Amino acid sequence: MGLAKPTSSLDYERLLLSLQSPLPNDQDLAISVCTLLSNETKHVLKFSKCPAILNMLLAHAGIYEHCKLHFSSFCFCF
């Protein structure tokens, strides 16, 4: 996964898998990529292509869709 513009759903799937990874470096890179893509540039993060990315970013912030879920079980929902 590079910092190039995500164009296909496969690029968004890779970003999602990095967010779900148990490795902190993968998670940090994915959050950095999301941060860069959220700026107003020609490379834009489109949540409509993979809405699960938004849920995963919220889970990293400690906000879950259901109160019973916690991060470790949330990763296996996908």
Protein backbone atom coordinates (compact mmCIF):
# COMPACT_ATOMS: atom_id res chain seq x y z
CA MET A 1 0.00 0.00 0.00
CA GLY A 2 1.57 3.25 -1.13
CA LEU A 3 0.56 6.84 -0.89
CA ALA A 4 -0.76 6.89 -4.44
CA LYS A 5 -4.35 7.85 -5.17
CA PRO A 6 -6.67 4.94 -4.32
CA THR A 7 -8.63 4.31 -7.48
CA SER A 8 -10.05 0.83 -7.21
CA SER A 9 -11.96 -0.98 -4.53
CA LEU A 10 -8.88 -3.19 -4.11
CA ASP A 11 -6.89 -0.16 -2.90
CA TYR A 12 -9.58 0.58 -0.34
CA GLU A 13 -9.65 -3.09 0.72
CA ARG A 14 -5.90 -2.92 1.34
CA LEU A 15 -6.35 0.22 3.40
CA LEU A 16 -9.08 -1.50 5.41
CA LEU A 17 -6.90 -4.58 5.98
CA SER A 18 -4.09 -2.36 7.23
CA LEU A 19 -6.48 -0.74 9.69
CA GLN A 20 -7.56 -4.20 10.88
CA SER A 21 -4.01 -5.48 11.19
CA PRO A 22 -2.77 -6.38 14.67
CA LEU A 23 0.58 -4.79 13.80
CA PRO A 24 0.90 -1.21 15.07
CA ASN A 25 3.07 -0.12 12.12
CA ASP A 26 0.40 -1.19 9.61
CA GLN A 27 -2.28 0.64 11.58
CA ASP A 28 -0.17 3.79 11.85
CA LEU A 29 0.57 3.78 8.13
CA ALA A 30 -3.11 3.32 7.27
CA ILE A 31 -4.16 6.17 9.58
CA SER A 32 -1.45 8.37 8.05
CA VAL A 33 -2.68 7.55 4.55
CA CYS A 34 -6.26 8.36 5.57
CA THR A 35 -5.06 11.66 7.05
CA LEU A 36 -3.22 12.60 3.87
CA LEU A 37 -6.17 11.63 1.70
CA SER A 38 -8.56 13.67 3.84
CA ASN A 39 -6.84 16.93 2.85
CA GLU A 40 -8.28 19.00 0.05
CA THR A 41 -6.04 17.80 -2.77
CA LYS A 42 -6.57 15.88 -5.97
CA HIS A 43 -6.17 12.65 -4.00
CA VAL A 44 -9.35 12.24 -1.95
CA LEU A 45 -10.53 9.49 0.37
CA LYS A 46 -13.98 8.38 -0.79
CA PHE A 47 -15.87 6.58 1.94
CA SER A 48 -18.56 5.59 -0.56
CA LYS A 49 -16.13 3.11 -2.12
CA CYS A 50 -15.54 1.33 1.20
CA PRO A 51 -17.74 2.55 4.07
CA ALA A 52 -16.12 0.07 6.46
CA ILE A 53 -13.05 2.32 6.56
CA LEU A 54 -15.03 4.97 8.43
CA ASN A 55 -16.25 2.38 10.96
CA MET A 56 -12.69 1.13 11.45
CA LEU A 57 -11.32 4.66 11.95
CA LEU A 58 -14.04 5.31 14.52
CA ALA A 59 -13.17 2.01 16.24
CA HIS A 60 -9.55 3.18 16.53
CA ALA A 61 -10.90 6.26 18.30
CA GLY A 62 -12.94 4.06 20.65
CA ILE A 63 -16.33 4.71 19.07
CA TYR A 64 -18.24 1.55 18.20
CA GLU A 65 -21.53 0.92 16.46
CA HIS A 66 -22.75 -1.28 19.33
CA CYS A 67 -21.83 -0.90 22.97
CA LYS A 68 -21.15 -4.63 23.30
CA LEU A 69 -18.39 -4.54 20.69
CA HIS A 70 -14.80 -3.83 21.47
CA PHE A 71 -11.89 -3.49 19.08
CA SER A 72 -10.76 -7.14 19.07
CA SER A 73 -14.19 -8.47 18.14
CA PHE A 74 -14.88 -5.60 15.75
CA CYS A 75 -12.01 -6.69 13.48
CA PHE A 76 -13.61 -10.04 12.82
CA CYS A 77 -16.92 -8.55 11.63
CA PHE A 78 -15.53 -7.98 8.16
